[in-house]
Amino acid sequence: MTMLERRAATSLTVANRRLVGYAARFNTEARIADFREVIRPGAFRQSLASGRDILCLRDHDPAVLLGRTKSNTLELREDDDGLYFSLAVPDTQAGRDLLALAERGDLGGMSFGFRAVDDAWEGDLRELRQVELHEVSIVQAFPAYAATTVEARSLRPFDVNRAWLETIC
């Protein structure tokens, strides 16, 4: 069995108890440990079309569930830019804490857990062509794919905070 991999991204928007943004961006190179990696358009397509239940967690912790595709509290879709997400933040302590941190700009960004189904190597560059997506996570640490965004939006005015993506291994 292959290991579950994780990648992270940052920048968050809150809108009426929703967090929205990109958990992954296409065609953007990132440094992962001792290699470089790029996600190609279509990498998430089959996984999203499969109807599998994909979770939204805090810091990849299954004990802190924030939403899921099965209950329609998490929306995921591919567009020309990457893997877009929209999360209806729960009215739980974890959800309230998350919104407070997002509004202050204290969150590190987004991450996603996956298994590579189709990848290719050229020297130290790994190209992800198809992945099996298991979860997306809102992370409080530092991310690695610099072009990925997470945004927290609200009906009440506040500064939109952004950060840039890095990888969590």
N, C-alpha and C. Protein backbone atom coordinates (compact mmCIF):
# COMPACT_ATOMS: atom_id res chain seq x y z
N MET A 1 0.85 -1.17 0.00
CA MET A 1 0.00 0.00 0.00
C MET A 1 0.90 1.24 0.00
N THR A 2 0.58 2.20 -0.85
CA THR A 2 1.38 3.41 -0.92
C THR A 2 1.01 4.37 0.20
N MET A 3 1.98 5.19 0.57
CA MET A 3 1.80 6.15 1.65
C MET A 3 0.89 7.30 1.21
N LEU A 4 0.08 7.79 2.13
CA LEU A 4 -0.74 8.96 1.88
C LEU A 4 0.16 10.18 1.92
N GLU A 5 0.15 10.98 0.85
CA GLU A 5 0.97 12.18 0.77
C GLU A 5 0.13 13.39 1.09
N ARG A 6 0.80 14.47 1.53
CA ARG A 6 0.11 15.71 1.87
C ARG A 6 0.83 16.88 1.24
N ARG A 7 0.06 17.83 0.74
CA ARG A 7 0.60 19.06 0.19
C ARG A 7 -0.20 20.21 0.77
N ALA A 8 0.45 21.35 0.97
CA ALA A 8 -0.21 22.49 1.61
C ALA A 8 -0.19 23.74 0.77
N ALA A 9 -1.15 24.62 1.05
CA ALA A 9 -1.30 25.89 0.37
C ALA A 9 -1.85 26.91 1.34
N THR A 10 -1.68 28.19 1.05
CA THR A 10 -2.19 29.19 1.98
C THR A 10 -3.01 30.27 1.31
N SER A 11 -3.59 31.12 2.10
CA SER A 11 -4.43 32.26 1.74
C SER A 11 -5.88 31.85 1.89
N LEU A 12 -6.63 32.54 2.71
CA LEU A 12 -7.96 32.11 3.12
C LEU A 12 -8.96 33.25 3.06
N THR A 13 -10.21 32.97 2.70
CA THR A 13 -11.27 33.97 2.68
C THR A 13 -12.50 33.44 3.42
N VAL A 14 -13.12 34.26 4.26
CA VAL A 14 -14.33 33.89 5.00
C VAL A 14 -15.52 34.65 4.42
N ALA A 15 -16.60 33.95 4.07
CA ALA A 15 -17.81 34.60 3.55
C ALA A 15 -19.02 33.95 4.19
N ASN A 16 -19.68 34.68 5.08
CA ASN A 16 -20.89 34.17 5.69
C ASN A 16 -20.69 32.75 6.22
N ARG A 17 -19.67 32.58 7.07
CA ARG A 17 -19.28 31.29 7.66
C ARG A 17 -18.79 30.30 6.61
N ARG A 18 -18.22 30.78 5.52
CA ARG A 18 -17.63 29.91 4.50
C ARG A 18 -16.16 30.26 4.33
N LEU A 19 -15.35 29.23 4.17
CA LEU A 19 -13.96 29.41 3.77
C LEU A 19 -13.88 28.96 2.33
N VAL A 20 -13.23 29.76 1.50
CA VAL A 20 -13.12 29.44 0.07
C VAL A 20 -11.71 29.69 -0.40
N GLY A 21 -11.35 29.05 -1.49
CA GLY A 21 -10.04 29.27 -2.09
C GLY A 21 -9.59 28.08 -2.91
N TYR A 22 -8.28 27.91 -3.01
CA TYR A 22 -7.69 26.83 -3.78
C TYR A 22 -6.81 25.97 -2.89
N ALA A 23 -7.11 24.68 -2.85
CA ALA A 23 -6.29 23.74 -2.10
C ALA A 23 -5.09 23.29 -2.92
N ALA A 24 -5.13 23.51 -4.23
CA ALA A 24 -4.01 23.18 -5.12
C ALA A 24 -4.12 24.04 -6.37
N ARG A 25 -2.98 24.41 -6.92
CA ARG A 25 -2.91 25.17 -8.17
C ARG A 25 -2.17 24.35 -9.21
N PHE A 26 -2.67 24.42 -10.43
CA PHE A 26 -2.05 23.68 -11.52
C PHE A 26 -0.82 24.41 -12.07
N ASN A 27 0.10 23.62 -12.61
CA ASN A 27 1.26 24.11 -13.35
C ASN A 27 2.14 25.06 -12.56
N THR A 28 2.14 24.91 -11.25
CA THR A 28 2.99 25.72 -10.39
C THR A 28 3.97 24.80 -9.68
N GLU A 29 5.23 25.05 -9.84
CA GLU A 29 6.26 24.19 -9.27
C GLU A 29 6.47 24.49 -7.80
N ALA A 30 6.67 23.43 -7.02
CA ALA A 30 6.96 23.56 -5.59
C ALA A 30 8.12 22.65 -5.24
N ARG A 31 8.89 23.05 -4.25
CA ARG A 31 9.99 22.23 -3.73
C ARG A 31 9.42 21.36 -2.63
N ILE A 32 9.57 20.03 -2.78
CA ILE A 32 9.11 19.05 -1.81
C ILE A 32 10.34 18.27 -1.36
N ALA A 33 10.80 18.49 -0.16
CA ALA A 33 12.00 17.81 0.35
C ALA A 33 13.14 17.97 -0.65
N ASP A 34 13.59 16.87 -1.25
CA ASP A 34 14.73 16.93 -2.17
C ASP A 34 14.31 16.86 -3.64
N PHE A 35 13.06 17.14 -3.96
CA PHE A 35 12.61 17.15 -5.35
C PHE A 35 11.63 18.29 -5.58
N ARG A 36 11.35 18.54 -6.86
CA ARG A 36 10.37 19.54 -7.25
C ARG A 36 9.12 18.81 -7.72
N GLU A 37 7.97 19.49 -7.64
CA GLU A 37 6.71 18.86 -8.02
C GLU A 37 5.80 19.86 -8.69
N VAL A 38 5.02 19.38 -9.64
CA VAL A 38 4.02 20.20 -10.31
C VAL A 38 2.75 19.36 -10.50
N ILE A 39 1.60 20.00 -10.29
CA ILE A 39 0.30 19.33 -10.46
C ILE A 39 -0.26 19.74 -11.81
N ARG A 40 -0.63 18.77 -12.62
CA ARG A 40 -1.16 19.05 -13.95
C ARG A 40 -2.69 19.16 -13.94
N PRO A 41 -3.25 19.97 -14.84
CA PRO A 41 -4.71 20.06 -14.96
C PRO A 41 -5.31 18.67 -15.17
N GLY A 42 -6.42 18.42 -14.51
CA GLY A 42 -7.08 17.13 -14.60
C GLY A 42 -6.65 16.13 -13.55
N ALA A 43 -5.65 16.47 -12.73
CA ALA A 43 -5.12 15.53 -11.75
C ALA A 43 -6.17 15.05 -10.75
N PHE A 44 -7.15 15.89 -10.46
CA PHE A 44 -8.18 15.54 -9.46
C PHE A 44 -9.48 15.06 -10.10
N ARG A 45 -9.59 15.16 -11.41
CA ARG A 45 -10.86 14.92 -12.12
C ARG A 45 -11.50 13.58 -11.79
N GLN A 46 -10.75 12.49 -11.94
CA GLN A 46 -11.33 11.17 -11.70
C GLN A 46 -11.73 10.97 -10.24
N SER A 47 -10.91 11.46 -9.34
CA SER A 47 -11.21 11.32 -7.92
C SER A 47 -12.49 12.06 -7.57
N LEU A 48 -12.68 13.25 -8.10
CA LEU A 48 -13.89 14.02 -7.83
C LEU A 48 -15.11 13.37 -8.49
N ALA A 49 -14.94 12.85 -9.69
CA ALA A 49 -16.05 12.23 -10.41
C ALA A 49 -16.47 10.89 -9.80
N SER A 50 -15.58 10.28 -9.02
CA SER A 50 -15.88 8.97 -8.44
C SER A 50 -17.00 9.03 -7.40
N GLY A 51 -17.26 10.21 -6.86
CA GLY A 51 -18.28 10.34 -5.83
C GLY A 51 -17.80 9.94 -4.45
N ARG A 52 -16.52 9.64 -4.31
CA ARG A 52 -15.99 9.26 -3.00
C ARG A 52 -16.17 10.40 -2.01
N ASP A 53 -16.34 10.08 -0.76
CA ASP A 53 -16.50 11.07 0.29
C ASP A 53 -15.13 11.64 0.64
N ILE A 54 -14.95 12.93 0.44
CA ILE A 54 -13.69 13.60 0.73
C ILE A 54 -13.93 14.52 1.92
N LEU A 55 -13.03 14.46 2.88
CA LEU A 55 -13.18 15.20 4.12
C LEU A 55 -12.44 16.53 4.09
N CYS A 56 -12.88 17.46 4.92
CA CYS A 56 -12.12 18.66 5.22
C CYS A 56 -11.77 18.58 6.70
N LEU A 57 -10.48 18.63 7.00
CA LEU A 57 -9.98 18.48 8.36
C LEU A 57 -9.18 19.69 8.78
N ARG A 58 -8.88 19.78 10.06
CA ARG A 58 -7.91 20.76 10.53
C ARG A 58 -6.59 20.03 10.73
N ASP A 59 -5.56 20.51 10.10
CA ASP A 59 -4.20 19.96 10.23
C ASP A 59 -4.13 18.44 10.00
N HIS A 60 -4.91 17.93 9.05
CA HIS A 60 -4.90 16.50 8.69
C HIS A 60 -5.34 15.60 9.85
N ASP A 61 -6.02 16.16 10.83
CA ASP A 61 -6.43 15.40 12.01
C ASP A 61 -7.87 14.92 11.84
N PRO A 62 -8.09 13.60 11.67
CA PRO A 62 -9.46 13.10 11.47
C PRO A 62 -10.35 13.32 12.68
N ALA A 63 -9.79 13.67 13.83
CA ALA A 63 -10.60 13.97 15.00
C ALA A 63 -11.20 15.37 14.94
N VAL A 64 -10.73 16.19 14.00
CA VAL A 64 -11.25 17.56 13.86
C VAL A 64 -11.86 17.70 12.46
N LEU A 65 -13.03 17.11 12.29
CA LEU A 65 -13.76 17.14 11.04
C LEU A 65 -14.47 18.48 10.89
N LEU A 66 -14.26 19.14 9.74
CA LEU A 66 -14.87 20.44 9.48
C LEU A 66 -15.98 20.36 8.44
N GLY A 67 -15.93 19.35 7.59
CA GLY A 67 -16.94 19.18 6.55
C GLY A 67 -16.60 17.99 5.68
N ARG A 68 -17.53 17.66 4.77
CA ARG A 68 -17.29 16.53 3.86
C ARG A 68 -18.18 16.67 2.65
N THR A 69 -17.74 16.06 1.56
CA THR A 69 -18.50 16.17 0.32
C THR A 69 -19.83 15.42 0.42
N LYS A 70 -19.85 14.31 1.15
CA LYS A 70 -21.06 13.49 1.28
C LYS A 70 -22.23 14.29 1.85
N SER A 71 -21.96 15.20 2.78
CA SER A 71 -23.03 15.99 3.40
C SER A 71 -23.20 17.36 2.73
N ASN A 72 -22.46 17.58 1.66
CA ASN A 72 -22.51 18.86 0.92
C ASN A 72 -22.06 20.05 1.75
N THR A 73 -21.28 19.82 2.81
CA THR A 73 -20.71 20.93 3.57
C THR A 73 -19.35 21.32 3.01
N LEU A 74 -18.82 20.49 2.13
CA LEU A 74 -17.57 20.77 1.43
C LEU A 74 -17.82 20.63 -0.06
N GLU A 75 -17.52 21.68 -0.80
CA GLU A 75 -17.60 21.64 -2.26
C GLU A 75 -16.18 21.66 -2.82
N LEU A 76 -15.90 20.73 -3.72
CA LEU A 76 -14.61 20.67 -4.40
C LEU A 76 -14.86 20.60 -5.89
N ARG A 77 -14.06 21.33 -6.66
CA ARG A 77 -14.16 21.23 -8.12
C ARG A 77 -12.85 21.68 -8.74
N GLU A 78 -12.59 21.12 -9.90
CA GLU A 78 -11.45 21.56 -10.69
C GLU A 78 -11.91 22.67 -11.61
N ASP A 79 -11.09 23.69 -11.76
CA ASP A 79 -11.31 24.69 -12.80
C ASP A 79 -9.97 24.92 -13.50
N ASP A 80 -9.87 25.93 -14.30
CA ASP A 80 -8.62 26.16 -15.05
C ASP A 80 -7.43 26.45 -14.15
N ASP A 81 -7.69 26.95 -12.94
CA ASP A 81 -6.60 27.32 -12.03
C ASP A 81 -6.13 26.20 -11.12
N GLY A 82 -7.06 25.33 -10.70
CA GLY A 82 -6.67 24.28 -9.78
C GLY A 82 -7.84 23.64 -9.08
N LEU A 83 -7.62 23.18 -7.85
CA LEU A 83 -8.65 22.53 -7.04
C LEU A 83 -9.28 23.57 -6.13
N TYR A 84 -10.48 24.02 -6.50
CA TYR A 84 -11.22 25.02 -5.74
C TYR A 84 -11.99 24.33 -4.63
N PHE A 85 -12.09 24.99 -3.48
CA PHE A 85 -12.90 24.45 -2.40
C PHE A 85 -13.77 25.55 -1.80
N SER A 86 -14.89 25.14 -1.22
CA SER A 86 -15.76 26.01 -0.46
C SER A 86 -16.27 25.18 0.72
N LEU A 87 -16.02 25.67 1.93
CA LEU A 87 -16.38 24.95 3.14
C LEU A 87 -17.39 25.74 3.95
N ALA A 88 -18.53 25.12 4.28
CA ALA A 88 -19.48 25.70 5.22
C ALA A 88 -18.92 25.37 6.61
N VAL A 89 -18.39 26.38 7.27
CA VAL A 89 -17.72 26.18 8.56
C VAL A 89 -18.76 25.81 9.62
N PRO A 90 -18.53 24.71 10.35
CA PRO A 90 -19.50 24.27 11.35
C PRO A 90 -19.53 25.20 12.57
N ASP A 91 -20.70 25.24 13.22
CA ASP A 91 -20.84 26.01 14.45
C ASP A 91 -20.43 25.12 15.62
N THR A 92 -19.16 24.79 15.63
CA THR A 92 -18.54 24.00 16.70
C THR A 92 -17.41 24.83 17.26
N GLN A 93 -16.81 24.38 18.34
CA GLN A 93 -15.68 25.14 18.89
C GLN A 93 -14.55 25.21 17.86
N ALA A 94 -14.28 24.08 17.19
CA ALA A 94 -13.22 24.08 16.17
C ALA A 94 -13.56 25.05 15.04
N GLY A 95 -14.84 25.08 14.63
CA GLY A 95 -15.26 25.99 13.55
C GLY A 95 -15.17 27.45 13.96
N ARG A 96 -15.60 27.76 15.18
CA ARG A 96 -15.51 29.14 15.67
C ARG A 96 -14.06 29.59 15.79
N ASP A 97 -13.20 28.69 16.30
CA ASP A 97 -11.77 29.01 16.40
C ASP A 97 -11.17 29.24 15.02
N LEU A 98 -11.55 28.41 14.08
CA LEU A 98 -11.05 28.53 12.71
C LEU A 98 -11.42 29.88 12.09
N LEU A 99 -12.68 30.28 12.25
CA LEU A 99 -13.11 31.58 11.71
C LEU A 99 -12.36 32.73 12.38
N ALA A 100 -12.17 32.65 13.68
CA ALA A 100 -11.44 33.72 14.39
C ALA A 100 -10.01 33.81 13.88
N LEU A 101 -9.35 32.67 13.69
CA LEU A 101 -7.98 32.68 13.18
C LEU A 101 -7.92 33.17 11.74
N ALA A 102 -8.90 32.79 10.93
CA ALA A 102 -8.94 33.24 9.53
C ALA A 102 -9.11 34.75 9.45
N GLU A 103 -9.99 35.29 10.25
CA GLU A 103 -10.23 36.73 10.23
C GLU A 103 -9.00 37.51 10.68
N ARG A 104 -8.21 36.94 11.57
CA ARG A 104 -6.98 37.60 12.03
C ARG A 104 -5.82 37.38 11.08
N GLY A 105 -5.97 36.47 10.13
CA GLY A 105 -4.88 36.16 9.21
C GLY A 105 -3.84 35.23 9.79
N ASP A 106 -4.23 34.43 10.79
CA ASP A 106 -3.29 33.58 11.50
C ASP A 106 -3.17 32.16 10.93
N LEU A 107 -3.97 31.81 9.95
CA LEU A 107 -3.90 30.45 9.40
C LEU A 107 -2.77 30.34 8.40
N GLY A 108 -2.17 29.15 8.35
CA GLY A 108 -1.09 28.91 7.42
C GLY A 108 -1.57 28.69 6.00
N GLY A 109 -2.76 28.12 5.81
CA GLY A 109 -3.28 27.89 4.49
C GLY A 109 -4.00 26.57 4.35
N MET A 110 -3.87 25.98 3.17
CA MET A 110 -4.56 24.73 2.84
C MET A 110 -3.54 23.65 2.53
N SER A 111 -4.00 22.43 2.68
CA SER A 111 -3.20 21.26 2.36
C SER A 111 -4.15 20.19 1.83
N PHE A 112 -3.61 19.18 1.19
CA PHE A 112 -4.46 18.07 0.76
C PHE A 112 -3.70 16.76 0.89
N GLY A 113 -4.45 15.70 1.24
CA GLY A 113 -3.89 14.37 1.38
C GLY A 113 -4.31 13.52 0.19
N PHE A 114 -3.37 12.80 -0.41
CA PHE A 114 -3.65 12.07 -1.64
C PHE A 114 -2.72 10.87 -1.80
N ARG A 115 -3.08 10.02 -2.74
CA ARG A 115 -2.20 8.95 -3.23
C ARG A 115 -2.03 9.20 -4.72
N ALA A 116 -0.80 9.12 -5.18
CA ALA A 116 -0.53 9.31 -6.60
C ALA A 116 -1.00 8.07 -7.37
N VAL A 117 -1.80 8.29 -8.41
CA VAL A 117 -2.27 7.23 -9.28
C VAL A 117 -1.42 7.21 -10.56
N ASP A 118 -1.12 8.40 -11.08
CA ASP A 118 -0.30 8.55 -12.28
C ASP A 118 0.63 9.73 -12.07
N ASP A 119 1.93 9.42 -11.96
CA ASP A 119 2.92 10.47 -11.87
C ASP A 119 4.10 10.12 -12.77
N ALA A 120 4.91 11.10 -13.08
CA ALA A 120 6.06 10.89 -13.95
C ALA A 120 7.23 11.70 -13.40
N TRP A 121 8.41 11.16 -13.60
CA TRP A 121 9.63 11.82 -13.12
C TRP A 121 10.52 12.17 -14.29
N GLU A 122 11.08 13.37 -14.23
CA GLU A 122 12.14 13.78 -15.16
C GLU A 122 13.20 14.44 -14.30
N GLY A 123 14.27 13.69 -14.03
CA GLY A 123 15.28 14.17 -13.09
C GLY A 123 14.66 14.30 -11.72
N ASP A 124 14.78 15.50 -11.11
CA ASP A 124 14.22 15.69 -9.77
C ASP A 124 12.83 16.34 -9.82
N LEU A 125 12.20 16.38 -11.00
CA LEU A 125 10.87 16.97 -11.15
C LEU A 125 9.81 15.87 -11.23
N ARG A 126 8.88 15.90 -10.30
CA ARG A 126 7.75 14.97 -10.29
C ARG A 126 6.52 15.70 -10.82
N GLU A 127 5.84 15.05 -11.76
CA GLU A 127 4.62 15.60 -12.34
C GLU A 127 3.45 14.73 -11.87
N LEU A 128 2.50 15.35 -11.17
CA LEU A 128 1.30 14.64 -10.72
C LEU A 128 0.25 14.78 -11.81
N ARG A 129 -0.11 13.65 -12.44
CA ARG A 129 -1.08 13.64 -13.54
C ARG A 129 -2.47 13.20 -13.07
N GLN A 130 -2.48 12.27 -12.10
CA GLN A 130 -3.76 11.81 -11.53
C GLN A 130 -3.52 11.41 -10.10
N VAL A 131 -4.38 11.92 -9.19
CA VAL A 131 -4.26 11.57 -7.78
C VAL A 131 -5.60 11.08 -7.26
N GLU A 132 -5.53 10.29 -6.21
CA GLU A 132 -6.72 9.86 -5.47
C GLU A 132 -6.80 10.76 -4.24
N LEU A 133 -7.73 11.69 -4.26
CA LEU A 133 -7.85 12.68 -3.20
C LEU A 133 -8.60 12.09 -2.01
N HIS A 134 -8.04 12.23 -0.81
CA HIS A 134 -8.67 11.71 0.40
C HIS A 134 -9.21 12.83 1.29
N GLU A 135 -8.47 13.92 1.39
CA GLU A 135 -8.91 15.00 2.26
C GLU A 135 -8.22 16.30 1.88
N VAL A 136 -8.86 17.39 2.27
CA VAL A 136 -8.22 18.70 2.24
C VAL A 136 -8.19 19.17 3.69
N SER A 137 -7.16 19.92 4.05
CA SER A 137 -7.02 20.37 5.43
C SER A 137 -6.71 21.85 5.49
N ILE A 138 -7.26 22.49 6.49
CA ILE A 138 -6.88 23.85 6.80
C ILE A 138 -5.75 23.73 7.81
N VAL A 139 -4.61 24.31 7.47
CA VAL A 139 -3.42 24.13 8.30
C VAL A 139 -3.07 25.43 9.02
N GLN A 140 -2.54 25.25 10.22
CA GLN A 140 -2.13 26.40 11.01
C GLN A 140 -0.64 26.66 10.91
N ALA A 141 0.08 25.79 10.19
CA ALA A 141 1.53 25.91 10.04
C ALA A 141 1.88 26.61 8.73
N PHE A 142 3.08 26.35 8.26
CA PHE A 142 3.58 26.99 7.05
C PHE A 142 3.41 26.07 5.84
N PRO A 143 2.78 26.54 4.74
CA PRO A 143 2.60 25.75 3.51
C PRO A 143 3.70 25.91 2.44
N ALA A 144 3.59 25.21 1.15
CA ALA A 144 4.70 25.23 0.14
C ALA A 144 4.37 25.53 -1.31
N TYR A 145 3.20 25.29 -1.81
CA TYR A 145 2.85 25.66 -3.18
C TYR A 145 2.45 27.14 -3.16
N ALA A 146 3.36 28.02 -3.53
CA ALA A 146 3.19 29.47 -3.31
C ALA A 146 1.99 30.09 -4.00
N ALA A 147 1.48 29.50 -5.06
CA ALA A 147 0.37 30.11 -5.81
C ALA A 147 -1.00 29.70 -5.31
N THR A 148 -1.08 28.78 -4.38
CA THR A 148 -2.38 28.30 -3.91
C THR A 148 -2.97 29.25 -2.89
N THR A 149 -4.30 29.42 -2.94
CA THR A 149 -4.95 30.37 -2.04
C THR A 149 -6.04 29.74 -1.20
N VAL A 150 -6.23 30.30 -0.03
CA VAL A 150 -7.33 29.98 0.86
C VAL A 150 -7.82 31.32 1.37
N GLU A 151 -9.09 31.59 1.28
CA GLU A 151 -9.59 32.88 1.72
C GLU A 151 -10.80 32.70 2.62
N ALA A 152 -10.87 33.53 3.64
CA ALA A 152 -12.00 33.52 4.57
C ALA A 152 -12.78 34.80 4.35
N ARG A 153 -14.05 34.70 4.03
CA ARG A 153 -14.87 35.88 3.75
C ARG A 153 -15.97 36.00 4.78
N SER A 154 -16.38 37.23 5.03
CA SER A 154 -17.43 37.49 6.01
C SER A 154 -18.33 38.59 5.49
N LEU A 155 -19.55 38.61 5.96
CA LEU A 155 -20.45 39.70 5.60
C LEU A 155 -20.06 40.98 6.31
N ARG A 156 -19.40 40.86 7.47
CA ARG A 156 -18.94 42.06 8.14
C ARG A 156 -17.54 42.40 7.64
N PRO A 157 -17.19 43.68 7.54
CA PRO A 157 -15.92 44.07 6.97
C PRO A 157 -14.72 43.64 7.82
N PHE A 158 -13.70 43.21 7.16
CA PHE A 158 -12.41 42.94 7.78
C PHE A 158 -11.38 42.82 6.67
N ASP A 159 -10.12 42.83 7.04
CA ASP A 159 -9.05 42.71 6.05
C ASP A 159 -8.97 41.28 5.55
N VAL A 160 -8.89 41.10 4.23
CA VAL A 160 -8.71 39.78 3.65
C VAL A 160 -7.25 39.41 3.82
N ASN A 161 -7.00 38.26 4.42
CA ASN A 161 -5.62 37.84 4.68
C ASN A 161 -5.23 36.74 3.73
N ARG A 162 -4.02 36.84 3.23
CA ARG A 162 -3.51 35.85 2.28
C ARG A 162 -2.16 35.34 2.73
N ALA A 163 -1.88 34.12 2.40
CA ALA A 163 -0.57 33.53 2.63
C ALA A 163 -0.28 32.67 1.41
N TRP A 164 0.89 32.16 1.32
CA TRP A 164 1.26 31.39 0.14
C TRP A 164 1.54 29.94 0.52
N LEU A 165 1.37 29.08 -0.45
CA LEU A 165 1.39 27.64 -0.28
C LEU A 165 2.77 27.07 -0.07
N GLU A 166 2.86 26.11 0.82
CA GLU A 166 4.05 25.31 1.00
C GLU A 166 3.61 23.88 1.20
N THR A 167 4.53 22.98 1.27
CA THR A 167 4.19 21.57 1.41
C THR A 167 4.40 21.07 2.82
N ILE A 168 3.48 20.30 3.29
CA ILE A 168 3.59 19.61 4.56
C ILE A 168 3.78 18.14 4.22
N CYS A 169 4.86 17.58 4.60
CA CYS A 169 5.12 16.16 4.28
C CYS A 169 4.81 15.29 5.46
